[in-house]
Amino acid sequence: MRIMTITDEAKQFIENMMKEAGVSTLRFAYSGAGCCGPSYQLSLEKPQENDLVSVVNHIQIAADSRVADQISGLVLDFVEDEQGAGLTMSGGSDCC
């Protein structure tokens, strides 16, 4: 799996979420297919049997093999503004 990027701000946010949930993996799960191919969703859960597992910025990442190419080059960041706070994703596969 080509490596994605997790910023230090996102890393801190993800680690806090993992600690609260008692989980040590951020998982990209298959959630169907669209015009761009497979789509995914993020969850905090253990890796599944066919997942590709890697470590990015000290965060264990598991990706369903059907979406691993979709998250290549993805950048996870944490943003806090007047609309709220949370993870943002940029980069990755382009289409449509």
PDB file of N, CA and C in Angstrom:
ATOM      1  N   MET A   1       0.855  -1.177   0.000  1.00  0.00           N
ATOM      2  CA  MET A   1       0.000   0.000   0.000  1.00  0.00           C
ATOM      3  C   MET A   1       0.898   1.236   0.000  1.00  0.00           C
ATOM      4  N   ARG A   2       0.666   2.132  -0.967  1.00  0.00           N
ATOM      5  CA  ARG A   2       1.408   3.388  -0.990  1.00  0.00           C
ATOM      6  C   ARG A   2       1.004   4.198   0.234  1.00  0.00           C
ATOM      7  N   ILE A   3       1.949   4.887   0.784  1.00  0.00           N
ATOM      8  CA  ILE A   3       1.740   5.567   2.056  1.00  0.00           C
ATOM      9  C   ILE A   3       0.904   6.831   1.902  1.00  0.00           C
ATOM     10  N   MET A   4       0.033   7.019   2.842  1.00  0.00           N
ATOM     11  CA  MET A   4      -0.734   8.251   2.966  1.00  0.00           C
ATOM     12  C   MET A   4       0.000   9.139   3.959  1.00  0.00           C
ATOM     13  N   THR A   5      -0.528  10.322   4.215  1.00  0.00           N
ATOM     14  CA  THR A   5       0.066  11.236   5.182  1.00  0.00           C
ATOM     15  C   THR A   5      -0.936  11.533   6.277  1.00  0.00           C
ATOM     16  N   ILE A   6      -0.480  11.515   7.504  1.00  0.00           N
ATOM     17  CA  ILE A   6      -1.285  11.943   8.652  1.00  0.00           C
ATOM     18  C   ILE A   6      -0.506  13.063   9.317  1.00  0.00           C
ATOM     19  N   THR A   7      -1.088  14.266   9.343  1.00  0.00           N
ATOM     20  CA  THR A   7      -0.392  15.392   9.959  1.00  0.00           C
ATOM     21  C   THR A   7      -0.291  15.171  11.469  1.00  0.00           C
ATOM     22  N   ASP A   8       0.594  15.915  12.105  1.00  0.00           N
ATOM     23  CA  ASP A   8       0.748  15.797  13.555  1.00  0.00           C
ATOM     24  C   ASP A   8      -0.530  16.182  14.293  1.00  0.00           C
ATOM     25  N   GLU A   9      -1.264  17.180  13.765  1.00  0.00           N
ATOM     26  CA  GLU A   9      -2.521  17.598  14.384  1.00  0.00           C
ATOM     27  C   GLU A   9      -3.559  16.481  14.293  1.00  0.00           C
ATOM     28  N   ALA A  10      -3.640  15.850  13.122  1.00  0.00           N
ATOM     29  CA  ALA A  10      -4.573  14.735  12.943  1.00  0.00           C
ATOM     30  C   ALA A  10      -4.163  13.557  13.813  1.00  0.00           C
ATOM     31  N   LYS A  11      -2.872  13.315  13.916  1.00  0.00           N
ATOM     32  CA  LYS A  11      -2.373  12.215  14.743  1.00  0.00           C
ATOM     33  C   LYS A  11      -2.845  12.371  16.181  1.00  0.00           C
ATOM     34  N   GLN A  12      -2.718  13.566  16.728  1.00  0.00           N
ATOM     35  CA  GLN A  12      -3.141  13.802  18.107  1.00  0.00           C
ATOM     36  C   GLN A  12      -4.637  13.566  18.262  1.00  0.00           C
ATOM     37  N   PHE A  13      -5.434  14.053  17.319  1.00  0.00           N
ATOM     38  CA  PHE A  13      -6.881  13.866  17.355  1.00  0.00           C
ATOM     39  C   PHE A  13      -7.242  12.382  17.265  1.00  0.00           C
ATOM     40  N   ILE A  14      -6.619  11.663  16.336  1.00  0.00           N
ATOM     41  CA  ILE A  14      -6.890  10.228  16.161  1.00  0.00           C
ATOM     42  C   ILE A  14      -6.483   9.448  17.397  1.00  0.00           C
ATOM     43  N   GLU A  15      -5.312   9.753  17.959  1.00  0.00           N
ATOM     44  CA  GLU A  15      -4.864   9.051  19.175  1.00  0.00           C
ATOM     45  C   GLU A  15      -5.846   9.263  20.318  1.00  0.00           C
ATOM     46  N   ASN A  16      -6.372  10.476  20.470  1.00  0.00           N
ATOM     47  CA  ASN A  16      -7.362  10.731  21.517  1.00  0.00           C
ATOM     48  C   ASN A  16      -8.634   9.928  21.282  1.00  0.00           C
ATOM     49  N   MET A  17      -9.087   9.857  20.038  1.00  0.00           N
ATOM     50  CA  MET A  17     -10.282   9.070  19.713  1.00  0.00           C
ATOM     51  C   MET A  17     -10.042   7.591  19.976  1.00  0.00           C
ATOM     52  N   MET A  18      -8.862   7.104  19.610  1.00  0.00           N
ATOM     53  CA  MET A  18      -8.533   5.692  19.824  1.00  0.00           C
ATOM     54  C   MET A  18      -8.508   5.358  21.313  1.00  0.00           C
ATOM     55  N   LYS A  19      -7.923   6.266  22.089  1.00  0.00           N
ATOM     56  CA  LYS A  19      -7.840   6.043  23.530  1.00  0.00           C
ATOM     57  C   LYS A  19      -9.247   5.960  24.136  1.00  0.00           C
ATOM     58  N   GLU A  20     -10.119   6.890  23.737  1.00  0.00           N
ATOM     59  CA  GLU A  20     -11.495   6.884  24.242  1.00  0.00           C
ATOM     60  C   GLU A  20     -12.239   5.614  23.837  1.00  0.00           C
ATOM     61  N   ALA A  21     -11.984   5.124  22.618  1.00  0.00           N
ATOM     62  CA  ALA A  21     -12.685   3.944  22.109  1.00  0.00           C
ATOM     63  C   ALA A  21     -12.011   2.631  22.518  1.00  0.00           C
ATOM     64  N   GLY A  22     -10.798   2.714  23.050  1.00  0.00           N
ATOM     65  CA  GLY A  22     -10.072   1.500  23.421  1.00  0.00           C
ATOM     66  C   GLY A  22      -9.642   0.677  22.219  1.00  0.00           C
ATOM     67  N   VAL A  23      -9.338   1.363  21.113  1.00  0.00           N
ATOM     68  CA  VAL A  23      -8.962   0.711  19.861  1.00  0.00           C
ATOM     69  C   VAL A  23      -7.615   1.260  19.410  1.00  0.00           C
ATOM     70  N   SER A  24      -6.836   0.439  18.707  1.00  0.00           N
ATOM     71  CA  SER A  24      -5.504   0.895  18.295  1.00  0.00           C
ATOM     72  C   SER A  24      -5.326   0.989  16.783  1.00  0.00           C
ATOM     73  N   THR A  25      -6.421   0.938  16.032  1.00  0.00           N
ATOM     74  CA  THR A  25      -6.317   0.964  14.570  1.00  0.00           C
ATOM     75  C   THR A  25      -7.366   1.875  13.956  1.00  0.00           C
ATOM     76  N   LEU A  26      -6.935   2.652  12.971  1.00  0.00           N
ATOM     77  CA  LEU A  26      -7.838   3.435  12.137  1.00  0.00           C
ATOM     78  C   LEU A  26      -8.044   2.621  10.870  1.00  0.00           C
ATOM     79  N   ARG A  27      -9.300   2.276  10.567  1.00  0.00           N
ATOM     80  CA  ARG A  27      -9.575   1.370   9.448  1.00  0.00           C
ATOM     81  C   ARG A  27     -10.351   2.080   8.345  1.00  0.00           C
ATOM     82  N   PHE A  28      -9.910   1.839   7.114  1.00  0.00           N
ATOM     83  CA  PHE A  28     -10.613   2.297   5.925  1.00  0.00           C
ATOM     84  C   PHE A  28     -11.377   1.088   5.391  1.00  0.00           C
ATOM     85  N   ALA A  29     -12.688   1.110   5.533  1.00  0.00           N
ATOM     86  CA  ALA A  29     -13.524  -0.022   5.148  1.00  0.00           C
ATOM     87  C   ALA A  29     -14.215   0.241   3.814  1.00  0.00           C
ATOM     88  N   TYR A  30     -14.430  -0.800   3.053  1.00  0.00           N
ATOM     89  CA  TYR A  30     -15.154  -0.724   1.793  1.00  0.00           C
ATOM     90  C   TYR A  30     -16.606  -0.380   2.086  1.00  0.00           C
ATOM     91  N   SER A  31     -17.163   0.588   1.338  1.00  0.00           N
ATOM     92  CA  SER A  31     -18.574   0.941   1.576  1.00  0.00           C
ATOM     93  C   SER A  31     -19.378   0.997   0.279  1.00  0.00           C
ATOM     94  N   GLY A  32     -18.952   0.268  -0.734  1.00  0.00           N
ATOM     95  CA  GLY A  32     -19.685   0.222  -1.987  1.00  0.00           C
ATOM     96  C   GLY A  32     -18.852   0.772  -3.126  1.00  0.00           C
ATOM     97  N   ALA A  33     -19.493   0.854  -4.288  1.00  0.00           N
ATOM     98  CA  ALA A  33     -18.793   1.346  -5.467  1.00  0.00           C
ATOM     99  C   ALA A  33     -19.627   2.427  -6.141  1.00  0.00           C
ATOM    100  N   GLY A  34     -18.930   3.351  -6.751  1.00  0.00           N
ATOM    101  CA  GLY A  34     -19.586   4.424  -7.481  1.00  0.00           C
ATOM    102  C   GLY A  34     -18.876   4.652  -8.792  1.00  0.00           C
ATOM    103  N   CYS A  35     -19.081   5.828  -9.382  1.00  0.00           N
ATOM    104  CA  CYS A  35     -18.474   6.125 -10.683  1.00  0.00           C
ATOM    105  C   CYS A  35     -16.955   6.156 -10.608  1.00  0.00           C
ATOM    106  N   CYS A  36     -16.396   6.342  -9.424  1.00  0.00           N
ATOM    107  CA  CYS A  36     -14.942   6.426  -9.259  1.00  0.00           C
ATOM    108  C   CYS A  36     -14.337   5.112  -8.806  1.00  0.00           C
ATOM    109  N   GLY A  37     -15.150   4.083  -8.707  1.00  0.00           N
ATOM    110  CA  GLY A  37     -14.658   2.812  -8.200  1.00  0.00           C
ATOM    111  C   GLY A  37     -15.097   2.634  -6.756  1.00  0.00           C
ATOM    112  N   PRO A  38     -14.353   1.877  -5.985  1.00  0.00           N
ATOM    113  CA  PRO A  38     -14.756   1.612  -4.603  1.00  0.00           C
ATOM    114  C   PRO A  38     -14.726   2.884  -3.749  1.00  0.00           C
ATOM    115  N   SER A  39     -15.656   2.966  -2.821  1.00  0.00           N
ATOM    116  CA  SER A  39     -15.635   4.067  -1.863  1.00  0.00           C
ATOM    117  C   SER A  39     -15.397   3.477  -0.475  1.00  0.00           C
ATOM    118  N   TYR A  40     -15.040   4.334   0.464  1.00  0.00           N
ATOM    119  CA  TYR A  40     -14.645   3.846   1.779  1.00  0.00           C
ATOM    120  C   TYR A  40     -15.228   4.717   2.878  1.00  0.00           C
ATOM    121  N   GLN A  41     -15.156   4.177   4.076  1.00  0.00           N
ATOM    122  CA  GLN A  41     -15.522   4.920   5.270  1.00  0.00           C
ATOM    123  C   GLN A  41     -14.466   4.667   6.324  1.00  0.00           C
ATOM    124  N   LEU A  42     -14.304   5.610   7.230  1.00  0.00           N
ATOM    125  CA  LEU A  42     -13.335   5.488   8.322  1.00  0.00           C
ATOM    126  C   LEU A  42     -14.021   4.923   9.551  1.00  0.00           C
ATOM    127  N   SER A  43     -13.299   4.095  10.265  1.00  0.00           N
ATOM    128  CA  SER A  43     -13.811   3.585  11.531  1.00  0.00           C
ATOM    129  C   SER A  43     -12.635   3.258  12.449  1.00  0.00           C
ATOM    130  N   LEU A  44     -12.927   3.136  13.711  1.00  0.00           N
ATOM    131  CA  LEU A  44     -11.941   2.697  14.692  1.00  0.00           C
ATOM    132  C   LEU A  44     -12.282   1.262  15.024  1.00  0.00           C
ATOM    133  N   GLU A  45     -11.511   0.341  14.461  1.00  0.00           N
ATOM    134  CA  GLU A  45     -11.778  -1.079  14.696  1.00  0.00           C
ATOM    135  C   GLU A  45     -10.550  -1.906  14.344  1.00  0.00           C
ATOM    136  N   LYS A  46     -10.568  -3.139  14.762  1.00  0.00           N
ATOM    137  CA  LYS A  46      -9.459  -4.048  14.487  1.00  0.00           C
ATOM    138  C   LYS A  46      -9.372  -4.333  12.995  1.00  0.00           C
ATOM    139  N   PRO A  47      -8.156  -4.603  12.506  1.00  0.00           N
ATOM    140  CA  PRO A  47      -8.010  -4.992  11.101  1.00  0.00           C
ATOM    141  C   PRO A  47      -8.787  -6.282  10.814  1.00  0.00           C
ATOM    142  N   GLN A  48      -9.312  -6.372   9.605  1.00  0.00           N
ATOM    143  CA  GLN A  48     -10.017  -7.567   9.167  1.00  0.00           C
ATOM    144  C   GLN A  48      -9.054  -8.456   8.380  1.00  0.00           C
ATOM    145  N   GLU A  49      -9.486  -9.653   8.074  1.00  0.00           N
ATOM    146  CA  GLU A  49      -8.629 -10.671   7.468  1.00  0.00           C
ATOM    147  C   GLU A  49      -7.935 -10.215   6.180  1.00  0.00           C
ATOM    148  N   ASN A  50      -8.617  -9.541   5.286  1.00  0.00           N
ATOM    149  CA  ASN A  50      -8.028  -9.160   3.995  1.00  0.00           C
ATOM    150  C   ASN A  50      -7.496  -7.734   3.970  1.00  0.00           C
ATOM    151  N   ASP A  51      -7.343  -7.109   5.114  1.00  0.00           N
ATOM    152  CA  ASP A  51      -6.842  -5.736   5.178  1.00  0.00           C
ATOM    153  C   ASP A  51      -5.340  -5.671   4.950  1.00  0.00           C
ATOM    154  N   LEU A  52      -4.913  -4.559   4.371  1.00  0.00           N
ATOM    155  CA  LEU A  52      -3.497  -4.236   4.285  1.00  0.00           C
ATOM    156  C   LEU A  52      -3.208  -3.316   5.465  1.00  0.00           C
ATOM    157  N   VAL A  53      -2.196  -3.624   6.241  1.00  0.00           N
ATOM    158  CA  VAL A  53      -1.902  -2.887   7.464  1.00  0.00           C
ATOM    159  C   VAL A  53      -0.545  -2.207   7.342  1.00  0.00           C
ATOM    160  N   SER A  54      -0.497  -0.946   7.757  1.00  0.00           N
ATOM    161  CA  SER A  54       0.761  -0.210   7.789  1.00  0.00           C
ATOM    162  C   SER A  54       0.698   0.783   8.941  1.00  0.00           C
ATOM    163  N   VAL A  55       1.821   1.430   9.196  1.00  0.00           N
ATOM    164  CA  VAL A  55       1.890   2.435  10.251  1.00  0.00           C
ATOM    165  C   VAL A  55       2.284   3.751   9.594  1.00  0.00           C
ATOM    166  N   VAL A  56       1.487   4.791   9.866  1.00  0.00           N
ATOM    167  CA  VAL A  56       1.734   6.122   9.318  1.00  0.00           C
ATOM    168  C   VAL A  56       1.757   7.100  10.480  1.00  0.00           C
ATOM    169  N   ASN A  57       2.862   7.792  10.657  1.00  0.00           N
ATOM    170  CA  ASN A  57       3.027   8.750  11.755  1.00  0.00           C
ATOM    171  C   ASN A  57       2.633   8.120  13.103  1.00  0.00           C
ATOM    172  N   HIS A  58       3.067   6.885  13.305  1.00  0.00           N
ATOM    173  CA  HIS A  58       2.843   6.120  14.533  1.00  0.00           C
ATOM    174  C   HIS A  58       1.382   5.725  14.755  1.00  0.00           C
ATOM    175  N   ILE A  59       0.557   5.805  13.711  1.00  0.00           N
ATOM    176  CA  ILE A  59      -0.837   5.374  13.777  1.00  0.00           C
ATOM    177  C   ILE A  59      -0.969   4.112  12.923  1.00  0.00           C
ATOM    178  N   GLN A  60      -1.526   3.041  13.514  1.00  0.00           N
ATOM    179  CA  GLN A  60      -1.754   1.835  12.730  1.00  0.00           C
ATOM    180  C   GLN A  60      -2.958   2.052  11.829  1.00  0.00           C
ATOM    181  N   ILE A  61      -2.759   1.831  10.530  1.00  0.00           N
ATOM    182  CA  ILE A  61      -3.792   1.984   9.526  1.00  0.00           C
ATOM    183  C   ILE A  61      -4.092   0.620   8.934  1.00  0.00           C
ATOM    184  N   ALA A  62      -5.369   0.281   8.831  1.00  0.00           N
ATOM    185  CA  ALA A  62      -5.803  -0.921   8.132  1.00  0.00           C
ATOM    186  C   ALA A  62      -6.697  -0.476   6.989  1.00  0.00           C
ATOM    187  N   ALA A  63      -6.479  -1.041   5.814  1.00  0.00           N
ATOM    188  CA  ALA A  63      -7.290  -0.689   4.655  1.00  0.00           C
ATOM    189  C   ALA A  63      -7.802  -1.960   3.997  1.00  0.00           C
ATOM    190  N   ASP A  64      -9.101  -2.025   3.836  1.00  0.00           N
ATOM    191  CA  ASP A  64      -9.690  -3.112   3.072  1.00  0.00           C
ATOM    192  C   ASP A  64      -8.967  -3.138   1.726  1.00  0.00           C
ATOM    193  N   SER A  65      -8.562  -4.307   1.280  1.00  0.00           N
ATOM    194  CA  SER A  65      -7.781  -4.406   0.044  1.00  0.00           C
ATOM    195  C   SER A  65      -8.517  -3.810  -1.153  1.00  0.00           C
ATOM    196  N   ARG A  66      -9.850  -3.721  -1.092  1.00  0.00           N
ATOM    197  CA  ARG A  66     -10.623  -3.156  -2.203  1.00  0.00           C
ATOM    198  C   ARG A  66     -10.507  -1.631  -2.288  1.00  0.00           C
ATOM    199  N   VAL A  67     -10.050  -0.976  -1.201  1.00  0.00           N
ATOM    200  CA  VAL A  67      -9.949   0.489  -1.217  1.00  0.00           C
ATOM    201  C   VAL A  67      -8.525   0.998  -1.029  1.00  0.00           C
ATOM    202  N   ALA A  68      -7.565   0.102  -0.922  1.00  0.00           N
ATOM    203  CA  ALA A  68      -6.180   0.514  -0.650  1.00  0.00           C
ATOM    204  C   ALA A  68      -5.671   1.500  -1.694  1.00  0.00           C
ATOM    205  N   ASP A  69      -5.983   1.273  -2.962  1.00  0.00           N
ATOM    206  CA  ASP A  69      -5.525   2.202  -4.006  1.00  0.00           C
ATOM    207  C   ASP A  69      -6.201   3.563  -3.872  1.00  0.00           C
ATOM    208  N   GLN A  70      -7.433   3.602  -3.400  1.00  0.00           N
ATOM    209  CA  GLN A  70      -8.176   4.854  -3.264  1.00  0.00           C
ATOM    210  C   GLN A  70      -7.554   5.781  -2.220  1.00  0.00           C
ATOM    211  N   ILE A  71      -6.903   5.225  -1.206  1.00  0.00           N
ATOM    212  CA  ILE A  71      -6.365   6.068  -0.137  1.00  0.00           C
ATOM    213  C   ILE A  71      -4.888   6.406  -0.335  1.00  0.00           C
ATOM    214  N   SER A  72      -4.293   5.892  -1.411  1.00  0.00           N
ATOM    215  CA  SER A  72      -2.902   6.223  -1.715  1.00  0.00           C
ATOM    216  C   SER A  72      -2.775   7.716  -1.942  1.00  0.00           C
ATOM    217  N   GLY A  73      -1.837   8.339  -1.297  1.00  0.00           N
ATOM    218  CA  GLY A  73      -1.621   9.770  -1.454  1.00  0.00           C
ATOM    219  C   GLY A  73      -2.574  10.636  -0.653  1.00  0.00           C
ATOM    220  N   LEU A  74      -3.477  10.031   0.098  1.00  0.00           N
ATOM    221  CA  LEU A  74      -4.435  10.769   0.913  1.00  0.00           C
ATOM    222  C   LEU A  74      -3.721  11.501   2.043  1.00  0.00           C
ATOM    223  N   VAL A  75      -4.192  12.688   2.375  1.00  0.00           N
ATOM    224  CA  VAL A  75      -3.654  13.454   3.501  1.00  0.00           C
ATOM    225  C   VAL A  75      -4.775  13.641   4.513  1.00  0.00           C
ATOM    226  N   LEU A  76      -4.570  13.126   5.722  1.00  0.00           N
ATOM    227  CA  LEU A  76      -5.507  13.350   6.823  1.00  0.00           C
ATOM    228  C   LEU A  76      -4.976  14.500   7.656  1.00  0.00           C
ATOM    229  N   ASP A  77      -5.836  15.482   7.899  1.00  0.00           N
ATOM    230  CA  ASP A  77      -5.455  16.628   8.699  1.00  0.00           C
ATOM    231  C   ASP A  77      -6.578  16.901   9.691  1.00  0.00           C
ATOM    232  N   PHE A  78      -6.289  17.709  10.683  1.00  0.00           N
ATOM    233  CA  PHE A  78      -7.286  18.121  11.669  1.00  0.00           C
ATOM    234  C   PHE A  78      -7.493  19.615  11.510  1.00  0.00           C
ATOM    235  N   VAL A  79      -8.760  20.006  11.411  1.00  0.00           N
ATOM    236  CA  VAL A  79      -9.095  21.412  11.239  1.00  0.00           C
ATOM    237  C   VAL A  79     -10.095  21.809  12.312  1.00  0.00           C
ATOM    238  N   GLU A  80      -9.872  22.989  12.878  1.00  0.00           N
ATOM    239  CA  GLU A  80     -10.798  23.546  13.863  1.00  0.00           C
ATOM    240  C   GLU A  80     -11.120  24.969  13.426  1.00  0.00           C
ATOM    241  N   ASP A  81     -12.404  25.232  13.182  1.00  0.00           N
ATOM    242  CA  ASP A  81     -12.831  26.566  12.777  1.00  0.00           C
ATOM    243  C   ASP A  81     -14.204  26.860  13.367  1.00  0.00           C
ATOM    244  N   GLU A  82     -14.827  27.948  12.915  1.00  0.00           N
ATOM    245  CA  GLU A  82     -16.118  28.359  13.477  1.00  0.00           C
ATOM    246  C   GLU A  82     -17.227  27.335  13.216  1.00  0.00           C
ATOM    247  N   GLN A  83     -17.035  26.445  12.251  1.00  0.00           N
ATOM    248  CA  GLN A  83     -18.028  25.416  11.943  1.00  0.00           C
ATOM    249  C   GLN A  83     -17.840  24.150  12.773  1.00  0.00           C
ATOM    250  N   GLY A  84     -16.734  24.058  13.486  1.00  0.00           N
ATOM    251  CA  GLY A  84     -16.481  22.887  14.312  1.00  0.00           C
ATOM    252  C   GLY A  84     -15.061  22.385  14.137  1.00  0.00           C
ATOM    253  N   ALA A  85     -14.864  21.148  14.540  1.00  0.00           N
ATOM    254  CA  ALA A  85     -13.533  20.551  14.488  1.00  0.00           C
ATOM    255  C   ALA A  85     -13.646  19.110  14.026  1.00  0.00           C
ATOM    256  N   GLY A  86     -12.638  18.663  13.297  1.00  0.00           N
ATOM    257  CA  GLY A  86     -12.619  17.281  12.866  1.00  0.00           C
ATOM    258  C   GLY A  86     -11.572  17.010  11.817  1.00  0.00           C
ATOM    259  N   LEU A  87     -11.548  15.770  11.368  1.00  0.00           N
ATOM    260  CA  LEU A  87     -10.590  15.354  10.356  1.00  0.00           C
ATOM    261  C   LEU A  87     -11.041  15.818   8.977  1.00  0.00           C
ATOM    262  N   THR A  88     -10.065  16.179   8.158  1.00  0.00           N
ATOM    263  CA  THR A  88     -10.313  16.479   6.764  1.00  0.00           C
ATOM    264  C   THR A  88      -9.443  15.560   5.925  1.00  0.00           C
ATOM    265  N   MET A  89      -9.899  15.253   4.725  1.00  0.00           N
ATOM    266  CA  MET A  89      -9.142  14.410   3.813  1.00  0.00           C
ATOM    267  C   MET A  89      -8.940  15.171   2.524  1.00  0.00           C
ATOM    268  N   SER A  90      -7.733  15.088   1.994  1.00  0.00           N
ATOM    269  CA  SER A  90      -7.452  15.682   0.696  1.00  0.00           C
ATOM    270  C   SER A  90      -6.490  14.766  -0.044  1.00  0.00           C
ATOM    271  N   GLY A  91      -6.351  15.003  -1.336  1.00  0.00           N
ATOM    272  CA  GLY A  91      -5.485  14.150  -2.136  1.00  0.00           C
ATOM    273  C   GLY A  91      -6.179  12.840  -2.443  1.00  0.00           C
ATOM    274  N   GLY A  92      -5.430  11.809  -2.544  1.00  0.00           N
ATOM    275  CA  GLY A  92      -6.005  10.513  -2.870  1.00  0.00           C
ATOM    276  C   GLY A  92      -6.352  10.419  -4.338  1.00  0.00           C
ATOM    277  N   SER A  93      -7.174   9.479  -4.691  1.00  0.00           N
ATOM    278  CA  SER A  93      -7.547   9.251  -6.083  1.00  0.00           C
ATOM    279  C   SER A  93      -8.555  10.285  -6.548  1.00  0.00           C
ATOM    280  N   ASP A  94      -8.321  10.800  -7.740  1.00  0.00           N
ATOM    281  CA  ASP A  94      -9.262  11.746  -8.365  1.00  0.00           C
ATOM    282  C   ASP A  94     -10.078  11.014  -9.417  1.00  0.00           C
ATOM    283  N   CYS A  95     -11.293  11.490  -9.624  1.00  0.00           N
ATOM    284  CA  CYS A  95     -12.111  10.936 -10.688  1.00  0.00           C
ATOM    285  C   CYS A  95     -13.317  11.828 -10.931  1.00  0.00           C
ATOM    286  N   CYS A  96     -14.119  11.451 -11.887  1.00  0.00           N
ATOM    287  CA  CYS A  96     -15.370  12.147 -12.246  1.00  0.00           C
ATOM    288  C   CYS A  96     -15.138  13.629 -12.318  1.00  0.00           C
TER     289      CYS A  96
END
